[in-house]
């Protein structure tokens, strides 16, 4: 698998501004990968929609997308 982008899905009661999220984004970008960490502190269906939108916005083939959380 060739990684070209990382989608970081933070945990419950966390945020894209957390130390872990910032570190993940910085490490991904240092490797030349696209990266996103959407704000998921919303109801479940909206969180799923936001994650999907963020994945699409990274504009890579799904086989090149690493999803972590």
PDB file of N, CA and C in Angstrom:
ATOM      1  N   UNK A   1       0.843  -1.181   0.000  1.00  0.00           N
ATOM      2  CA  UNK A   1       0.000   0.000   0.000  1.00  0.00           C
ATOM      3  C   UNK A   1       0.885   1.240   0.000  1.00  0.00           C
ATOM      4  N   UNK A   2       0.615   2.150  -0.882  1.00  0.00           N
ATOM      5  CA  UNK A   2       1.297   3.436  -0.916  1.00  0.00           C
ATOM      6  C   UNK A   2       0.398   4.475  -0.276  1.00  0.00           C
ATOM      7  N   UNK A   3       0.870   5.104   0.786  1.00  0.00           N
ATOM      8  CA  UNK A   3       0.083   6.129   1.469  1.00  0.00           C
ATOM      9  C   UNK A   3       0.359   7.485   0.836  1.00  0.00           C
ATOM     10  N   UNK A   4      -0.715   8.191   0.501  1.00  0.00           N
ATOM     11  CA  UNK A   4      -0.588   9.555  -0.004  1.00  0.00           C
ATOM     12  C   UNK A   4      -1.352  10.538   0.860  1.00  0.00           C
ATOM     13  N   UNK A   5      -2.212  10.018   1.762  1.00  0.00           N
ATOM     14  CA  UNK A   5      -3.002  10.905   2.612  1.00  0.00           C
ATOM     15  C   UNK A   5      -3.413  10.190   3.891  1.00  0.00           C
ATOM     16  N   UNK A   6      -3.600  10.987   4.957  1.00  0.00           N
ATOM     17  CA  UNK A   6      -4.032  10.464   6.248  1.00  0.00           C
ATOM     18  C   UNK A   6      -5.279  11.212   6.690  1.00  0.00           C
ATOM     19  N   UNK A   7      -6.273  10.450   7.111  1.00  0.00           N
ATOM     20  CA  UNK A   7      -7.487  11.018   7.692  1.00  0.00           C
ATOM     21  C   UNK A   7      -7.483  10.624   9.161  1.00  0.00           C
ATOM     22  N   UNK A   8      -7.331  11.613  10.047  1.00  0.00           N
ATOM     23  CA  UNK A   8      -7.277  11.354  11.477  1.00  0.00           C
ATOM     24  C   UNK A   8      -8.656  11.609  12.066  1.00  0.00           C
ATOM     25  N   UNK A   9      -9.242  10.577  12.643  1.00  0.00           N
ATOM     26  CA  UNK A   9     -10.556  10.680  13.278  1.00  0.00           C
ATOM     27  C   UNK A   9     -10.337  10.638  14.786  1.00  0.00           C
ATOM     28  N   UNK A  10     -10.483  11.794  15.417  1.00  0.00           N
ATOM     29  CA  UNK A  10     -10.220  11.886  16.849  1.00  0.00           C
ATOM     30  C   UNK A  10     -11.294  11.175  17.654  1.00  0.00           C
ATOM     31  N   UNK A  11     -10.984  10.899  18.882  1.00  0.00           N
ATOM     32  CA  UNK A  11     -11.891  10.165  19.752  1.00  0.00           C
ATOM     33  C   UNK A  11     -12.967  11.027  20.390  1.00  0.00           C
ATOM     34  N   UNK A  12     -13.839  10.363  21.102  1.00  0.00           N
ATOM     35  CA  UNK A  12     -14.934  11.008  21.814  1.00  0.00           C
ATOM     36  C   UNK A  12     -14.379  12.051  22.779  1.00  0.00           C
ATOM     37  N   UNK A  13     -14.965  13.223  22.750  1.00  0.00           N
ATOM     38  CA  UNK A  13     -14.601  14.351  23.613  1.00  0.00           C
ATOM     39  C   UNK A  13     -13.187  14.855  23.342  1.00  0.00           C
ATOM     40  N   UNK A  14     -12.669  14.615  22.168  1.00  0.00           N
ATOM     41  CA  UNK A  14     -11.381  15.141  21.751  1.00  0.00           C
ATOM     42  C   UNK A  14     -11.642  16.163  20.653  1.00  0.00           C
ATOM     43  N   UNK A  15     -10.597  16.597  19.970  1.00  0.00           N
ATOM     44  CA  UNK A  15     -10.789  17.572  18.903  1.00  0.00           C
ATOM     45  C   UNK A  15      -9.622  17.538  17.930  1.00  0.00           C
ATOM     46  N   UNK A  16      -9.797  18.169  16.767  1.00  0.00           N
ATOM     47  CA  UNK A  16      -8.692  18.243  15.819  1.00  0.00           C
ATOM     48  C   UNK A  16      -7.562  19.144  16.316  1.00  0.00           C
ATOM     49  N   UNK A  17      -7.798  19.867  17.410  1.00  0.00           N
ATOM     50  CA  UNK A  17      -6.764  20.731  17.980  1.00  0.00           C
ATOM     51  C   UNK A  17      -5.983  20.037  19.099  1.00  0.00           C
ATOM     52  N   UNK A  18      -6.290  18.766  19.373  1.00  0.00           N
ATOM     53  CA  UNK A  18      -5.583  18.046  20.436  1.00  0.00           C
ATOM     54  C   UNK A  18      -4.118  17.859  20.064  1.00  0.00           C
ATOM     55  N   UNK A  19      -3.308  17.600  21.064  1.00  0.00           N
ATOM     56  CA  UNK A  19      -1.877  17.377  20.820  1.00  0.00           C
ATOM     57  C   UNK A  19      -1.662  16.194  19.886  1.00  0.00           C
ATOM     58  N   UNK A  20      -2.440  15.109  20.084  1.00  0.00           N
ATOM     59  CA  UNK A  20      -2.286  13.927  19.213  1.00  0.00           C
ATOM     60  C   UNK A  20      -2.654  14.260  17.768  1.00  0.00           C
ATOM     61  N   UNK A  21      -3.726  14.994  17.577  1.00  0.00           N
ATOM     62  CA  UNK A  21      -4.143  15.343  16.214  1.00  0.00           C
ATOM     63  C   UNK A  21      -3.111  16.236  15.550  1.00  0.00           C
ATOM     64  N   UNK A  22      -2.629  17.231  16.269  1.00  0.00           N
ATOM     65  CA  UNK A  22      -1.625  18.137  15.691  1.00  0.00           C
ATOM     66  C   UNK A  22      -0.355  17.373  15.341  1.00  0.00           C
ATOM     67  N   UNK A  23       0.049  16.445  16.193  1.00  0.00           N
ATOM     68  CA  UNK A  23       1.254  15.654  15.938  1.00  0.00           C
ATOM     69  C   UNK A  23       1.062  14.753  14.714  1.00  0.00           C
ATOM     70  N   UNK A  24      -0.113  14.116  14.626  1.00  0.00           N
ATOM     71  CA  UNK A  24      -0.403  13.238  13.485  1.00  0.00           C
ATOM     72  C   UNK A  24      -0.358  14.030  12.177  1.00  0.00           C
ATOM     73  N   UNK A  25      -0.998  15.200  12.164  1.00  0.00           N
ATOM     74  CA  UNK A  25      -1.011  16.022  10.955  1.00  0.00           C
ATOM     75  C   UNK A  25       0.397  16.482  10.587  1.00  0.00           C
ATOM     76  N   UNK A  26       1.171  16.898  11.578  1.00  0.00           N
ATOM     77  CA  UNK A  26       2.537  17.352  11.308  1.00  0.00           C
ATOM     78  C   UNK A  26       3.395  16.220  10.756  1.00  0.00           C
ATOM     79  N   UNK A  27       3.279  15.032  11.335  1.00  0.00           N
ATOM     80  CA  UNK A  27       4.063  13.888  10.860  1.00  0.00           C
ATOM     81  C   UNK A  27       3.666  13.498   9.438  1.00  0.00           C
ATOM     82  N   UNK A  28       2.380  13.507   9.156  1.00  0.00           N
ATOM     83  CA  UNK A  28       1.920  13.182   7.799  1.00  0.00           C
ATOM     84  C   UNK A  28       2.455  14.194   6.798  1.00  0.00           C
ATOM     85  N   UNK A  29       2.333  15.457   7.130  1.00  0.00           N
ATOM     86  CA  UNK A  29       2.793  16.505   6.220  1.00  0.00           C
ATOM     87  C   UNK A  29       4.303  16.463   6.035  1.00  0.00           C
ATOM     88  N   UNK A  30       5.047  16.087   7.075  1.00  0.00           N
ATOM     89  CA  UNK A  30       6.498  15.966   6.963  1.00  0.00           C
ATOM     90  C   UNK A  30       6.893  14.880   5.968  1.00  0.00           C
ATOM     91  N   UNK A  31       6.016  13.909   5.786  1.00  0.00           N
ATOM     92  CA  UNK A  31       6.268  12.829   4.823  1.00  0.00           C
ATOM     93  C   UNK A  31       5.740  13.160   3.434  1.00  0.00           C
ATOM     94  N   UNK A  32       5.170  14.351   3.285  1.00  0.00           N
ATOM     95  CA  UNK A  32       4.646  14.762   1.997  1.00  0.00           C
ATOM     96  C   UNK A  32       3.251  14.246   1.715  1.00  0.00           C
ATOM     97  N   UNK A  33       2.573  13.779   2.740  1.00  0.00           N
ATOM     98  CA  UNK A  33       1.213  13.270   2.582  1.00  0.00           C
ATOM     99  C   UNK A  33       0.213  14.381   2.832  1.00  0.00           C
ATOM    100  N   UNK A  34      -0.923  14.305   2.185  1.00  0.00           N
ATOM    101  CA  UNK A  34      -2.038  15.180   2.523  1.00  0.00           C
ATOM    102  C   UNK A  34      -2.599  14.685   3.846  1.00  0.00           C
ATOM    103  N   UNK A  35      -3.221  15.584   4.603  1.00  0.00           N
ATOM    104  CA  UNK A  35      -3.749  15.169   5.903  1.00  0.00           C
ATOM    105  C   UNK A  35      -4.951  16.010   6.292  1.00  0.00           C
ATOM    106  N   UNK A  36      -5.858  15.380   7.024  1.00  0.00           N
ATOM    107  CA  UNK A  36      -7.042  16.079   7.521  1.00  0.00           C
ATOM    108  C   UNK A  36      -7.459  15.488   8.854  1.00  0.00           C
ATOM    109  N   UNK A  37      -8.033  16.350   9.682  1.00  0.00           N
ATOM    110  CA  UNK A  37      -8.579  15.936  10.976  1.00  0.00           C
ATOM    111  C   UNK A  37      -9.862  16.738  11.189  1.00  0.00           C
ATOM    112  N   UNK A  38     -10.977  16.258  10.656  1.00  0.00           N
ATOM    113  CA  UNK A  38     -12.223  17.022  10.767  1.00  0.00           C
ATOM    114  C   UNK A  38     -12.741  17.081  12.204  1.00  0.00           C
ATOM    115  N   UNK A  39     -13.494  18.131  12.504  1.00  0.00           N
ATOM    116  CA  UNK A  39     -14.134  18.267  13.811  1.00  0.00           C
ATOM    117  C   UNK A  39     -15.325  17.327  13.850  1.00  0.00           C
ATOM    118  N   UNK A  40     -15.291  16.362  14.744  1.00  0.00           N
ATOM    119  CA  UNK A  40     -16.339  15.352  14.816  1.00  0.00           C
ATOM    120  C   UNK A  40     -17.192  15.471  16.081  1.00  0.00           C
ATOM    121  N   UNK A  41     -17.116  16.601  16.757  1.00  0.00           N
ATOM    122  CA  UNK A  41     -17.914  16.816  17.966  1.00  0.00           C
ATOM    123  C   UNK A  41     -19.317  17.281  17.605  1.00  0.00           C
ATOM    124  N   UNK A  42     -20.006  16.423  16.893  1.00  0.00           N
ATOM    125  CA  UNK A  42     -21.367  16.664  16.412  1.00  0.00           C
ATOM    126  C   UNK A  42     -22.125  15.335  16.511  1.00  0.00           C
ATOM    127  N   UNK A  43     -23.441  15.340  16.282  1.00  0.00           N
ATOM    128  CA  UNK A  43     -24.190  14.074  16.309  1.00  0.00           C
ATOM    129  C   UNK A  43     -23.602  13.053  15.318  1.00  0.00           C
ATOM    130  N   UNK A  44     -23.792  11.753  15.593  1.00  0.00           N
ATOM    131  CA  UNK A  44     -23.160  10.684  14.804  1.00  0.00           C
ATOM    132  C   UNK A  44     -23.329  10.778  13.281  1.00  0.00           C
ATOM    133  N   UNK A  45     -24.522  11.042  12.799  1.00  0.00           N
ATOM    134  CA  UNK A  45     -24.701  11.100  11.341  1.00  0.00           C
ATOM    135  C   UNK A  45     -23.939  12.264  10.724  1.00  0.00           C
ATOM    136  N   UNK A  46     -23.896  13.388  11.423  1.00  0.00           N
ATOM    137  CA  UNK A  46     -23.137  14.529  10.929  1.00  0.00           C
ATOM    138  C   UNK A  46     -21.645  14.248  10.986  1.00  0.00           C
ATOM    139  N   UNK A  47     -21.195  13.553  12.030  1.00  0.00           N
ATOM    140  CA  UNK A  47     -19.782  13.193  12.129  1.00  0.00           C
ATOM    141  C   UNK A  47     -19.375  12.288  10.968  1.00  0.00           C
ATOM    142  N   UNK A  48     -20.222  11.328  10.633  1.00  0.00           N
ATOM    143  CA  UNK A  48     -19.937  10.441   9.501  1.00  0.00           C
ATOM    144  C   UNK A  48     -19.864  11.230   8.197  1.00  0.00           C
ATOM    145  N   UNK A  49     -20.768  12.178   8.030  1.00  0.00           N
ATOM    146  CA  UNK A  49     -20.771  13.002   6.817  1.00  0.00           C
ATOM    147  C   UNK A  49     -19.510  13.858   6.748  1.00  0.00           C
ATOM    148  N   UNK A  50     -19.103  14.413   7.881  1.00  0.00           N
ATOM    149  CA  UNK A  50     -17.885  15.238   7.906  1.00  0.00           C
ATOM    150  C   UNK A  50     -16.647  14.399   7.583  1.00  0.00           C
ATOM    151  N   UNK A  51     -16.575  13.195   8.111  1.00  0.00           N
ATOM    152  CA  UNK A  51     -15.444  12.318   7.822  1.00  0.00           C
ATOM    153  C   UNK A  51     -15.401  11.973   6.342  1.00  0.00           C
ATOM    154  N   UNK A  52     -16.557  11.684   5.773  1.00  0.00           N
ATOM    155  CA  UNK A  52     -16.643  11.368   4.347  1.00  0.00           C
ATOM    156  C   UNK A  52     -16.215  12.563   3.497  1.00  0.00           C
ATOM    157  N   UNK A  53     -16.690  13.744   3.848  1.00  0.00           N
ATOM    158  CA  UNK A  53     -16.316  14.956   3.113  1.00  0.00           C
ATOM    159  C   UNK A  53     -14.812  15.204   3.192  1.00  0.00           C
ATOM    160  N   UNK A  54     -14.237  15.016   4.383  1.00  0.00           N
ATOM    161  CA  UNK A  54     -12.801  15.226   4.551  1.00  0.00           C
ATOM    162  C   UNK A  54     -12.003  14.229   3.716  1.00  0.00           C
ATOM    163  N   UNK A  55     -12.443  12.974   3.679  1.00  0.00           N
ATOM    164  CA  UNK A  55     -11.758  11.961   2.871  1.00  0.00           C
ATOM    165  C   UNK A  55     -11.797  12.337   1.395  1.00  0.00           C
ATOM    166  N   UNK A  56     -12.954  12.774   0.929  1.00  0.00           N
ATOM    167  CA  UNK A  56     -13.079  13.175  -0.475  1.00  0.00           C
ATOM    168  C   UNK A  56     -12.223  14.401  -0.788  1.00  0.00           C
ATOM    169  N   UNK A  57     -12.149  15.346   0.148  1.00  0.00           N
ATOM    170  CA  UNK A  57     -11.377  16.569  -0.063  1.00  0.00           C
ATOM    171  C   UNK A  57      -9.874  16.293  -0.178  1.00  0.00           C
ATOM    172  N   UNK A  58      -9.411  15.175   0.374  1.00  0.00           N
ATOM    173  CA  UNK A  58      -7.999  14.821   0.256  1.00  0.00           C
ATOM    174  C   UNK A  58      -7.638  14.432  -1.172  1.00  0.00           C
ATOM    175  N   UNK A  59      -8.626  14.098  -1.955  1.00  0.00           N
ATOM    176  CA  UNK A  59      -8.471  13.859  -3.392  1.00  0.00           C
ATOM    177  C   UNK A  59      -7.388  12.832  -3.733  1.00  0.00           C
ATOM    178  N   UNK A  60      -7.451  11.678  -3.068  1.00  0.00           N
ATOM    179  CA  UNK A  60      -6.554  10.577  -3.415  1.00  0.00           C
ATOM    180  C   UNK A  60      -7.387   9.331  -3.646  1.00  0.00           C
ATOM    181  N   UNK A  61      -6.814   8.376  -4.329  1.00  0.00           N
ATOM    182  CA  UNK A  61      -7.466   7.085  -4.522  1.00  0.00           C
ATOM    183  C   UNK A  61      -7.683   6.466  -3.138  1.00  0.00           C
ATOM    184  N   UNK A  62      -8.836   5.876  -2.884  1.00  0.00           N
ATOM    185  CA  UNK A  62      -9.096   5.271  -1.557  1.00  0.00           C
ATOM    186  C   UNK A  62      -8.023   4.275  -1.125  1.00  0.00           C
ATOM    187  N   UNK A  63      -7.385   3.617  -2.055  1.00  0.00           N
ATOM    188  CA  UNK A  63      -6.341   2.652  -1.701  1.00  0.00           C
ATOM    189  C   UNK A  63      -5.067   3.343  -1.181  1.00  0.00           C
ATOM    190  N   UNK A  64      -4.990   4.650  -1.336  1.00  0.00           N
ATOM    191  CA  UNK A  64      -3.830   5.416  -0.873  1.00  0.00           C
ATOM    192  C   UNK A  64      -4.140   6.259   0.370  1.00  0.00           C
ATOM    193  N   UNK A  65      -5.325   6.038   0.940  1.00  0.00           N
ATOM    194  CA  UNK A  65      -5.770   6.788   2.106  1.00  0.00           C
ATOM    195  C   UNK A  65      -5.644   5.935   3.369  1.00  0.00           C
ATOM    196  N   UNK A  66      -4.904   6.442   4.340  1.00  0.00           N
ATOM    197  CA  UNK A  66      -4.752   5.784   5.627  1.00  0.00           C
ATOM    198  C   UNK A  66      -5.684   6.489   6.610  1.00  0.00           C
ATOM    199  N   UNK A  67      -6.594   5.731   7.216  1.00  0.00           N
ATOM    200  CA  UNK A  67      -7.521   6.294   8.194  1.00  0.00           C
ATOM    201  C   UNK A  67      -7.081   5.806   9.562  1.00  0.00           C
ATOM    202  N   UNK A  68      -6.828   6.747  10.469  1.00  0.00           N
ATOM    203  CA  UNK A  68      -6.379   6.425  11.816  1.00  0.00           C
ATOM    204  C   UNK A  68      -7.241   7.164  12.835  1.00  0.00           C
ATOM    205  N   UNK A  69      -7.251   6.653  14.043  1.00  0.00           N
ATOM    206  CA  UNK A  69      -8.019   7.346  15.074  1.00  0.00           C
ATOM    207  C   UNK A  69      -7.714   6.769  16.427  1.00  0.00           C
TER     208      UNK A  69
END
